[in-house]
């Protein structure tokens, strides 16, 4: 099982955007049931060639994440510099084994490719960058979430204790 943390807090708008991104990028993806829990949690089920993929907006766990029986980065191959050293973990809250340190220009190119959500760890706190379009980019870090209308605004916002992504990029562990 592969696990991809999208955001460290549940967010219904991001949930639907994540579902749309999967539907757009994975050919042959079959949409199944949308499950709604009494606590407001949402789970969208999908199948691809008999394998299950589920998108969770969990109020109980406190996160937006994707669980999949197939490795999903194969459907988002445009970012050529990514070095992958292992599989994602299969439980929420565990850190994946895939890490990559990069320059801010590489991160900017990755975001601009609009191919996948980007998860990371900085100063022991998990975060994610969700580029839904070049004018709709969400940044989650710990309990904070903010939307940006451009990659430049995202890269230069003093979001991390007064520092920007451009300033801290080389110190961030990207999964």
Protein backbone atom coordinates (compact mmCIF):
# COMPACT_ATOMS: atom_id res chain seq x y z
CA UNK A 1 0.00 0.00 0.00
CA UNK A 2 1.24 3.48 -0.88
CA UNK A 3 0.34 6.50 1.22
CA UNK A 4 0.53 10.12 0.06
CA UNK A 5 -0.15 12.90 2.57
CA UNK A 6 -1.62 15.87 0.69
CA UNK A 7 -2.32 18.22 3.58
CA UNK A 8 -1.85 17.93 7.33
CA UNK A 9 -5.37 19.20 7.98
CA UNK A 10 -8.68 18.14 6.40
CA UNK A 11 -9.89 20.53 3.71
CA UNK A 12 -13.00 19.78 1.66
CA UNK A 13 -12.09 22.15 -1.20
CA UNK A 14 -8.62 20.58 -1.52
CA UNK A 15 -10.22 17.12 -1.34
CA UNK A 16 -12.30 17.78 -4.45
CA UNK A 17 -9.34 19.37 -6.24
CA UNK A 18 -7.20 16.31 -5.43
CA UNK A 19 -9.90 14.01 -6.80
CA UNK A 20 -10.06 16.10 -9.99
CA UNK A 21 -6.25 15.94 -10.37
CA UNK A 22 -6.28 12.14 -10.14
CA UNK A 23 -9.17 11.88 -12.61
CA UNK A 24 -7.34 14.16 -15.04
CA UNK A 25 -3.92 12.48 -14.85
CA UNK A 26 -4.70 8.76 -14.54
CA UNK A 27 -6.06 7.23 -17.73
CA UNK A 28 -8.57 4.42 -17.13
CA UNK A 29 -9.35 5.47 -13.57
CA UNK A 30 -12.86 4.33 -12.63
CA UNK A 31 -14.70 6.53 -10.15
CA UNK A 32 -16.56 4.55 -7.51
CA UNK A 33 -18.46 5.60 -4.37
CA UNK A 34 -18.15 8.85 -2.44
CA UNK A 35 -18.45 7.97 1.25
CA UNK A 36 -19.56 10.56 3.82
CA UNK A 37 -19.03 9.91 7.52
CA UNK A 38 -21.10 11.39 10.35
CA UNK A 39 -18.05 13.43 11.46
CA UNK A 40 -17.88 15.17 8.06
CA UNK A 41 -15.05 13.01 6.69
CA UNK A 42 -15.13 12.22 2.97
CA UNK A 43 -13.64 9.27 1.08
CA UNK A 44 -13.71 8.99 -2.71
CA UNK A 45 -13.07 5.47 -3.98
CA UNK A 46 -11.51 4.65 -7.34
CA UNK A 47 -10.33 1.55 -9.20
CA UNK A 48 -7.62 1.14 -11.80
CA UNK A 49 -7.18 -2.28 -13.34
CA UNK A 50 -8.74 -3.94 -10.28
CA UNK A 51 -6.56 -2.05 -7.78
CA UNK A 52 -8.06 0.37 -5.25
CA UNK A 53 -7.20 4.04 -4.83
CA UNK A 54 -8.90 6.12 -2.14
CA UNK A 55 -8.78 9.84 -1.38
CA UNK A 56 -9.52 10.66 2.28
CA UNK A 57 -10.49 13.96 3.86
CA UNK A 58 -10.38 12.65 7.41
CA UNK A 59 -11.67 14.72 10.29
CA UNK A 60 -10.72 11.85 12.64
CA UNK A 61 -7.07 11.60 11.54
CA UNK A 62 -6.89 15.31 10.77
CA UNK A 63 -5.45 15.07 7.28
CA UNK A 64 -6.12 14.91 3.56
CA UNK A 65 -4.36 11.88 2.05
CA UNK A 66 -4.42 9.26 -0.69
CA UNK A 67 -4.01 5.51 -0.17
CA UNK A 68 -3.34 3.39 -3.22
CA UNK A 69 -2.58 -0.20 -4.12
CA UNK A 70 -0.53 1.13 -7.04
CA UNK A 71 2.35 3.60 -7.00
CA UNK A 72 0.89 6.88 -8.30
CA UNK A 73 3.97 8.94 -9.16
CA UNK A 74 4.26 6.90 -12.37
CA UNK A 75 1.33 8.96 -13.65
CA UNK A 76 3.13 12.23 -12.86
CA UNK A 77 6.50 11.82 -14.62
CA UNK A 78 7.24 15.33 -15.89
CA UNK A 79 9.54 16.27 -13.04
CA UNK A 80 12.76 14.65 -14.30
CA UNK A 81 15.14 15.46 -11.42
CA UNK A 82 13.24 13.52 -8.77
CA UNK A 83 15.33 10.86 -7.03
CA UNK A 84 13.23 8.14 -5.46
CA UNK A 85 14.81 5.82 -2.91
CA UNK A 86 11.88 3.74 -1.71
CA UNK A 87 8.17 3.27 -1.29
CA UNK A 88 5.85 5.53 0.64
CA UNK A 89 4.69 4.17 3.95
CA UNK A 90 1.33 2.55 4.36
CA UNK A 91 0.04 4.43 7.41
CA UNK A 92 -0.93 8.03 8.00
CA UNK A 93 1.52 9.98 10.08
CA UNK A 94 4.60 7.99 9.10
CA UNK A 95 7.28 9.69 7.07
CA UNK A 96 7.82 8.31 3.57
CA UNK A 97 11.22 7.00 2.56
CA UNK A 98 11.44 9.19 -0.55
CA UNK A 99 13.42 12.35 0.02
CA UNK A 100 15.13 14.87 -2.20
CA UNK A 101 16.94 18.11 -1.43
CA UNK A 102 16.79 20.66 -4.21
CA UNK A 103 17.44 24.20 -5.33
CA UNK A 104 14.61 26.72 -5.34
CA UNK A 105 14.71 26.81 -9.17
CA UNK A 106 14.07 23.03 -9.26
CA UNK A 107 11.16 23.38 -6.84
CA UNK A 108 9.72 26.21 -8.90
CA UNK A 109 9.92 24.03 -12.05
CA UNK A 110 8.30 21.11 -10.21
CA UNK A 111 5.39 23.27 -9.04
CA UNK A 112 5.06 24.82 -12.51
CA UNK A 113 4.75 21.36 -14.09
CA UNK A 114 1.38 20.93 -12.29
CA UNK A 115 1.96 17.18 -12.25
CA UNK A 116 1.57 16.24 -8.60
CA UNK A 117 1.20 17.36 -5.03
CA UNK A 118 4.52 17.85 -3.26
CA UNK A 119 5.00 16.65 0.32
CA UNK A 120 7.87 17.72 2.51
CA UNK A 121 9.28 18.00 6.02
CA UNK A 122 10.96 21.09 7.46
CA UNK A 123 12.10 21.49 11.07
CA UNK A 124 10.24 18.31 12.02
CA UNK A 125 6.90 19.54 10.66
CA UNK A 126 5.19 17.98 7.62
CA UNK A 127 3.75 20.06 4.82
CA UNK A 128 2.52 19.93 1.25
CA UNK A 129 2.26 22.07 -1.86
CA UNK A 130 -0.81 21.40 -3.99
CA UNK A 131 -0.58 23.12 -7.41
CA UNK A 132 -4.10 22.85 -8.81
CA UNK A 133 -3.26 25.42 -11.49
CA UNK A 134 -0.65 28.16 -11.91
CA UNK A 135 -3.08 30.59 -10.27
CA UNK A 136 -4.39 28.26 -7.53
CA UNK A 137 -1.67 26.79 -5.33
CA UNK A 138 -2.24 25.64 -1.76
CA UNK A 139 0.54 25.45 0.83
CA UNK A 140 -0.01 23.47 4.05
CA UNK A 141 2.55 23.35 6.85
CA UNK A 142 1.63 21.95 10.23
CA UNK A 143 -1.69 23.53 11.14
CA UNK A 144 -1.30 26.44 8.69
CA UNK A 145 -2.78 26.55 5.18
CA UNK A 146 -2.73 29.35 2.65
CA UNK A 147 -3.67 29.65 -1.02
CA UNK A 148 -1.56 31.57 -3.53
CA UNK A 149 -2.45 32.99 -6.94
CA UNK A 150 1.03 32.57 -8.46
CA UNK A 151 4.18 30.53 -8.08
CA UNK A 152 6.16 33.72 -7.37
CA UNK A 153 3.82 34.64 -4.51
CA UNK A 154 4.16 31.12 -3.09
CA UNK A 155 7.97 31.05 -3.38
CA UNK A 156 8.46 34.48 -1.74
CA UNK A 157 5.81 34.49 1.02
CA UNK A 158 7.32 34.57 4.54
CA UNK A 159 5.28 31.48 5.50
CA UNK A 160 7.92 29.56 7.53
CA UNK A 161 8.66 31.56 10.68
CA UNK A 162 9.28 34.65 8.58
CA UNK A 163 11.22 32.85 5.84
CA UNK A 164 10.15 32.00 2.30
CA UNK A 165 10.39 28.74 0.35
CA UNK A 166 13.14 30.34 -1.72
CA UNK A 167 15.18 30.92 1.45
CA UNK A 168 14.66 27.50 3.05
CA UNK A 169 14.42 25.25 -0.02
CA UNK A 170 17.84 23.62 0.38
CA UNK A 171 17.00 22.72 3.99
CA UNK A 172 13.66 21.07 3.21
CA UNK A 173 13.30 17.28 2.88
CA UNK A 174 10.99 16.62 -0.07
CA UNK A 175 9.33 13.21 -0.10
